[in-house]
Protein backbone atom coordinates (compact mmCIF):
# COMPACT_ATOMS: atom_id res chain seq x y z
CA MET A 1 -0.10 -0.07 0.15
CA TYR A 2 0.91 3.51 -0.02
CA ASN A 3 2.39 5.33 3.32
CA ARG A 4 -0.16 5.97 5.91
CA PRO A 5 0.38 9.36 8.42
CA MET A 6 -1.21 9.66 11.59
CA CYS A 7 -4.56 10.49 11.35
CA GLU A 8 -6.55 11.17 7.54
CA LEU A 9 -8.55 13.57 6.71
CA LEU A 10 -12.18 14.08 4.24
CA GLY A 11 -13.92 16.89 3.06
CA MET A 12 -16.59 17.89 0.83
CA GLU A 13 -18.23 20.96 -0.79
CA CYS A 14 -20.57 21.29 -3.76
CA ASN A 15 -22.99 23.04 -4.83
CA LEU A 16 -25.67 21.34 -5.24
CA PRO A 17 -27.02 18.70 -2.23
CA THR A 18 -24.81 15.44 -2.19
CA ASP A 19 -24.23 12.50 -0.08
CA ILE A 20 -20.50 11.65 0.62
CA VAL A 21 -21.41 7.68 0.85
CA PHE A 22 -18.82 6.71 -2.24
CA SER A 23 -16.20 8.33 -0.49
CA PHE A 24 -16.87 7.57 3.17
CA THR A 25 -17.19 4.06 1.85
CA GLY A 26 -13.21 3.86 1.07
CA PHE A 27 -12.69 6.48 3.70
CA ALA A 28 -13.92 4.16 6.67
CA LEU A 29 -11.57 1.21 6.08
CA ARG A 30 -8.70 3.54 6.45
CA GLY A 31 -10.19 3.43 9.92
CA GLY A 32 -8.80 0.57 10.99
CA LYS A 33 -8.31 -2.38 8.06
CA THR A 34 -6.82 -0.92 5.08
CA GLY A 35 -4.96 2.22 7.01
CA PRO A 36 -4.10 1.78 10.92
CA HIS A 37 -6.16 4.79 12.23
CA ALA A 38 -8.00 2.64 14.04
CA ASP A 39 -8.53 5.20 17.71
CA GLY A 40 -11.98 6.67 16.82
CA TRP A 41 -13.80 8.10 13.35
CA GLY A 42 -15.89 11.24 13.03
CA LEU A 43 -18.08 12.95 10.24
CA ALA A 44 -20.06 16.36 10.63
CA LEU A 45 -22.38 16.87 7.78
CA TYR A 46 -24.00 20.51 7.60
CA GLU A 47 -27.61 21.61 7.25
CA GLY A 48 -27.64 25.61 6.85
CA LYS A 49 -25.00 26.94 9.75
CA PHE A 50 -25.99 23.46 11.44
CA ALA A 51 -23.85 20.74 11.58
CA ARG A 52 -24.69 17.53 12.86
CA SER A 53 -22.08 14.93 14.01
CA PHE A 54 -21.09 11.30 14.24
CA LEU A 55 -18.38 10.36 16.31
CA GLU A 56 -17.21 7.18 17.88
CA PRO A 57 -13.80 6.54 19.50
CA THR A 58 -13.82 2.87 17.76
CA PRO A 59 -12.52 1.67 14.33
CA ALA A 60 -14.55 2.66 11.52
CA CYS A 61 -14.29 -0.12 10.04
CA GLU A 62 -16.10 -1.90 12.30
CA SER A 63 -18.92 0.51 12.99
CA ALA A 64 -22.83 0.07 12.78
CA MET A 65 -23.03 4.00 13.08
CA ALA A 66 -20.74 4.54 9.92
CA GLU A 67 -22.30 1.29 7.78
CA PHE A 68 -25.83 3.01 8.83
CA ILE A 69 -24.47 6.48 7.14
CA ARG A 70 -23.53 4.32 3.97
CA LYS A 71 -26.79 2.87 3.76
CA ASN A 72 -28.80 5.91 4.54
CA PRO A 73 -27.52 8.71 2.49
CA ILE A 74 -27.77 12.45 4.05
CA LYS A 75 -27.85 15.11 1.57
CA THR A 76 -25.40 17.96 2.15
CA LEU A 77 -23.23 21.06 0.67
CA LEU A 78 -20.47 20.77 2.94
CA ALA A 79 -18.82 17.62 5.46
CA VAL A 80 -15.81 17.20 7.00
CA ALA A 81 -15.09 13.99 8.02
CA HIS A 82 -11.43 12.11 10.19
CA VAL A 83 -10.24 8.70 10.98
CA ARG A 84 -7.54 8.73 14.01
CA LYS A 85 -4.11 7.41 14.85
CA LYS A 86 -3.78 8.89 18.18
CA THR A 87 -0.69 10.71 19.01
CA ARG A 88 -1.35 13.90 21.91
CA GLY A 89 -4.74 12.35 23.74
CA ARG A 90 -6.44 9.03 24.31
CA ALA A 91 -8.86 7.14 22.62
CA CYS A 92 -11.92 8.64 23.86
CA ILE A 93 -15.48 10.66 22.21
CA GLU A 94 -13.80 13.63 23.36
CA ASN A 95 -11.07 13.10 21.52
CA THR A 96 -12.66 12.20 18.42
CA HIS A 97 -12.72 14.77 15.61
CA PRO A 98 -13.82 16.60 14.00
CA PHE A 99 -14.54 18.92 16.55
CA LYS A 100 -17.52 22.08 16.79
CA ARG A 101 -17.62 25.34 18.22
CA VAL A 102 -20.13 27.97 17.23
CA LEU A 103 -19.22 31.33 16.34
CA TRP A 104 -20.99 34.46 14.72
CA GLY A 105 -24.32 32.07 14.76
CA ARG A 106 -23.04 29.41 12.77
CA ASP A 107 -21.28 25.86 13.65
CA TRP A 108 -17.50 25.55 12.99
CA VAL A 109 -16.43 22.24 12.41
CA PHE A 110 -12.43 21.25 11.98
CA ALA A 111 -10.32 18.51 11.79
CA HIS A 112 -6.51 17.91 12.15
CA ASN A 113 -3.87 15.55 11.39
CA GLY A 114 -0.85 16.51 12.70
CA THR A 115 1.10 17.44 15.52
CA LEU A 116 1.71 20.52 17.50
CA PRO A 117 4.16 19.89 20.47
CA ARG A 118 3.93 23.92 21.89
CA ILE A 119 0.11 24.30 21.31
CA LYS A 120 -0.60 24.56 24.85
CA ASP A 121 1.74 27.40 25.08
CA ARG A 122 -0.70 29.29 23.49
CA PRO A 123 -3.30 30.64 26.50
CA LEU A 124 -6.99 30.27 25.80
CA ARG A 125 -9.36 33.67 26.93
CA ILE A 126 -12.69 32.05 26.30
CA GLU A 127 -12.77 28.78 24.57
CA GLU A 128 -12.11 25.79 26.77
CA PRO A 129 -11.12 22.48 25.31
CA VAL A 130 -13.33 19.38 26.26
CA GLY A 131 -10.97 16.92 25.79
CA ASP A 132 -6.94 16.77 26.06
CA THR A 133 -5.78 16.68 22.31
CA ASP A 134 -3.08 19.55 20.65
CA SER A 135 -5.73 19.74 17.80
CA GLU A 136 -8.74 20.77 19.64
CA HIS A 137 -6.42 23.44 21.33
CA ALA A 138 -5.09 24.48 18.08
CA PHE A 139 -8.75 25.08 16.73
CA CYS A 140 -10.58 27.17 20.01
CA TRP A 141 -7.05 29.37 19.46
CA MET A 142 -7.95 29.77 16.04
CA ILE A 143 -11.58 30.32 17.03
CA GLU A 144 -10.50 32.97 19.23
CA GLN A 145 -8.27 35.03 17.41
CA LEU A 146 -10.93 34.98 14.51
CA ARG A 147 -13.26 36.57 17.12
CA SER A 148 -10.76 39.04 18.36
CA ALA A 149 -9.88 40.43 14.72
CA PHE A 150 -13.62 40.08 13.46
CA PRO A 151 -15.91 41.57 16.49
CA ALA A 152 -18.71 42.74 14.76
CA GLY A 153 -19.06 39.02 13.17
CA TYR A 154 -18.53 37.08 9.76
CA PRO A 155 -16.52 39.57 7.55
CA LYS A 156 -19.32 41.04 4.44
CA SER A 157 -15.89 40.56 2.57
CA PRO A 158 -14.90 36.61 2.56
CA ARG A 159 -11.99 36.94 1.59
CA ARG A 160 -10.16 38.85 4.68
CA LEU A 161 -11.46 35.42 6.71
CA TRP A 162 -9.33 33.30 4.22
CA SER A 163 -6.37 35.62 4.68
CA LEU A 164 -6.83 35.18 8.25
CA VAL A 165 -7.18 31.50 8.03
CA ALA A 166 -4.05 31.06 6.22
CA LYS A 167 -1.92 33.61 8.21
CA LEU A 168 -2.66 31.26 11.72
CA GLY A 169 -2.08 28.50 9.60
CA ALA A 170 1.41 29.60 8.70
CA GLU A 171 1.62 30.67 12.51
CA LEU A 172 0.81 26.98 14.19
CA GLY A 173 2.28 25.18 11.23
CA ALA A 174 5.81 26.44 12.24
CA GLU A 175 5.72 25.07 15.21
CA GLY A 176 4.78 21.28 13.94
CA LYS A 177 2.50 19.10 11.36
CA PHE A 178 -0.23 21.28 10.45
CA ASN A 179 -2.53 19.56 7.86
CA PHE A 180 -6.43 20.51 8.86
CA LEU A 181 -10.22 20.67 6.86
CA LEU A 182 -11.99 23.81 8.40
CA ALA A 183 -15.82 24.90 7.48
CA ASP A 184 -17.28 27.66 8.18
CA GLY A 185 -21.05 26.45 6.97
CA GLN A 186 -20.38 28.14 3.69
CA HIS A 187 -16.62 27.85 2.84
CA LEU A 188 -13.96 24.65 3.12
CA TYR A 189 -10.43 25.71 4.33
CA ALA A 190 -7.83 23.33 3.71
CA ARG A 191 -4.46 23.76 4.15
CA CYS A 192 -1.59 21.71 3.01
CA GLY A 193 1.09 21.43 5.67
CA THR A 194 2.72 18.76 4.72
CA GLN A 195 0.43 16.44 2.66
CA LEU A 196 -3.09 16.69 0.50
CA CYS A 197 -5.00 16.14 -2.24
CA HIS A 198 -8.38 17.36 -3.52
CA ILE A 199 -10.37 16.51 -7.28
CA ILE A 200 -13.07 18.30 -8.24
CA ARG A 201 -16.10 16.04 -10.13
CA GLU A 202 -18.12 17.70 -12.49
CA SER A 203 -19.63 17.68 -16.20
CA PRO A 204 -18.88 15.50 -18.36
CA PHE A 205 -18.69 12.80 -15.10
CA GLY A 206 -17.12 9.73 -15.29
CA ARG A 207 -16.63 6.43 -13.58
CA ALA A 208 -14.37 6.06 -10.80
CA THR A 209 -12.92 3.17 -8.62
CA LEU A 210 -12.20 3.28 -4.38
CA ARG A 211 -8.81 2.28 -4.39
CA ASP A 212 -9.74 0.71 -0.86
CA ALA A 213 -12.32 -1.67 -2.27
CA GLU A 214 -13.18 -3.27 -5.72
CA ILE A 215 -16.14 -0.34 -5.79
CA GLN A 216 -16.85 1.79 -8.64
CA ILE A 217 -19.40 4.52 -9.44
CA ASP A 218 -20.71 5.25 -12.51
CA PHE A 219 -20.96 9.35 -11.24
CA SER A 220 -22.79 10.33 -14.72
CA ALA A 221 -25.97 8.25 -13.30
CA VAL A 222 -26.47 9.83 -10.07
CA THR A 223 -25.71 13.53 -10.87
CA THR A 224 -26.89 16.32 -13.58
CA ALA A 225 -24.69 18.66 -16.14
CA LYS A 226 -25.01 21.25 -13.06
CA ASP A 227 -23.73 19.01 -10.33
CA ARG A 228 -19.90 19.98 -9.29
CA ILE A 229 -18.18 18.54 -6.07
CA ALA A 230 -15.01 19.04 -4.54
CA VAL A 231 -13.12 16.50 -2.62
CA VAL A 232 -10.26 16.88 -0.33
CA ALA A 233 -7.99 13.99 1.26
CA THR A 234 -4.95 12.88 3.15
CA GLU A 235 -4.35 10.46 0.03
CA PRO A 236 -6.98 10.02 -3.18
CA LEU A 237 -9.37 7.57 -2.74
CA THR A 238 -9.65 6.56 -6.32
CA ARG A 239 -7.38 4.99 -8.85
CA ASP A 240 -8.87 6.43 -11.80
CA GLU A 241 -8.40 9.81 -11.32
CA THR A 242 -6.16 12.64 -11.30
CA TRP A 243 -6.14 14.37 -7.96
CA GLN A 244 -4.37 17.53 -7.32
CA ILE A 245 -0.81 16.99 -4.97
CA GLY A 246 -1.37 20.41 -2.38
CA GLN A 247 2.09 22.12 -2.16
CA PRO A 248 2.89 21.62 1.54
CA GLY A 249 2.27 25.98 3.45
CA SER A 250 -0.54 26.29 1.57
CA LEU A 251 -4.25 26.69 2.16
CA TRP A 252 -7.23 25.63 -0.34
CA VAL A 253 -10.44 27.51 0.20
CA PHE A 254 -13.62 26.10 -1.77
CA ASP A 255 -17.45 27.29 -1.87
CA HIS A 256 -20.08 26.23 -4.18
CA GLY A 257 -17.78 22.97 -5.55
CA ALA A 258 -15.02 25.27 -6.57
CA LEU A 259 -11.33 26.29 -5.72
CA GLN A 260 -11.75 30.19 -4.72
CA ALA A 261 -8.22 30.48 -3.96
CA THR A 262 -4.97 28.90 -2.79
CA LEU A 263 -3.32 30.86 -0.55
CA PRO A 264 0.08 30.81 0.87
CA SER A 265 0.52 29.22 4.38
CA GLY A 266 3.85 29.14 5.23
CA GLY A 267 6.29 26.80 5.23
CA VAL A 268 7.10 23.40 6.50
CA PRO A 269 9.38 23.15 9.62
CA ASP A 270 13.06 22.09 9.22
CA HIS A 271 12.06 18.78 11.68
CA ILE A 272 8.81 17.39 9.12
CA PHE A 273 9.64 15.17 6.61
CA VAL A 274 7.53 15.70 3.50
CA PRO A 275 7.11 12.26 1.25
CA VAL A 276 8.25 13.08 -2.50
CA ARG A 277 5.61 11.90 -4.88
CA ALA A 278 6.37 10.54 -8.19
CA ALA A 279 3.02 11.21 -9.82
CA ALA A 280 0.30 13.72 -9.43
CA SER A 281 -1.75 10.93 -10.81
CA ARG A 282 -1.51 8.87 -7.73
CA ARG A 283 -2.62 5.99 -10.60
CA GLY A 284 -2.11 2.41 -9.05
């Protein structure tokens, strides 16, 4: 197989309501079967500004709840998922990603792959983590910085918000491994610290086969010509599509199923190893 990081991320952002069943099916298998990420899994599905969450501190590949989600599709415009291999904090429900906080009358969702050894040196004034992971502390710190920067609420110019998320990612990314997905009910932010990829599916749609299971889908049979779906993952989920490989130290911003911006978000710390990829298509 291919190199497995300490956790894996999955995000989806669309212009029309779409279910995440195909991508989640392959992703869940990485939670203890085709990958070692057996210390919990979570999925957040947005309905407007509210995100419903499914969390378990057990392997996704064995989960009855994960199977229920696969068999009962829930359509959404924005989703974030995570399978965990613990590095900081025990395997328990409160340490399971994605984490959720309310800011400006909307749910914010966050999932992280990596380790931030010094994050708890950054004090929190308002937010208080429920668990004891470096990831949740980082999320709380970011939420506080956003609240402080925009005291009047959600900024009228979204690009100001995008730029600040990129800046905060760079600041924390300088201290460790910081790949993350962040969602605000409208945008999906995806920071590549060391490893991340994405694909945008749009008309004309074709077929795709999962890398982690012999399951194929004909997207032309389940979509319309108007559909556009952006999918972000730590590693490509399919073996017969071309995925775009992220540049370490960059932030993608997705809206309406399209890549709206690629922003600089800091470099990579000297002590972090970045694997070399031979081909962007990741075919195999």
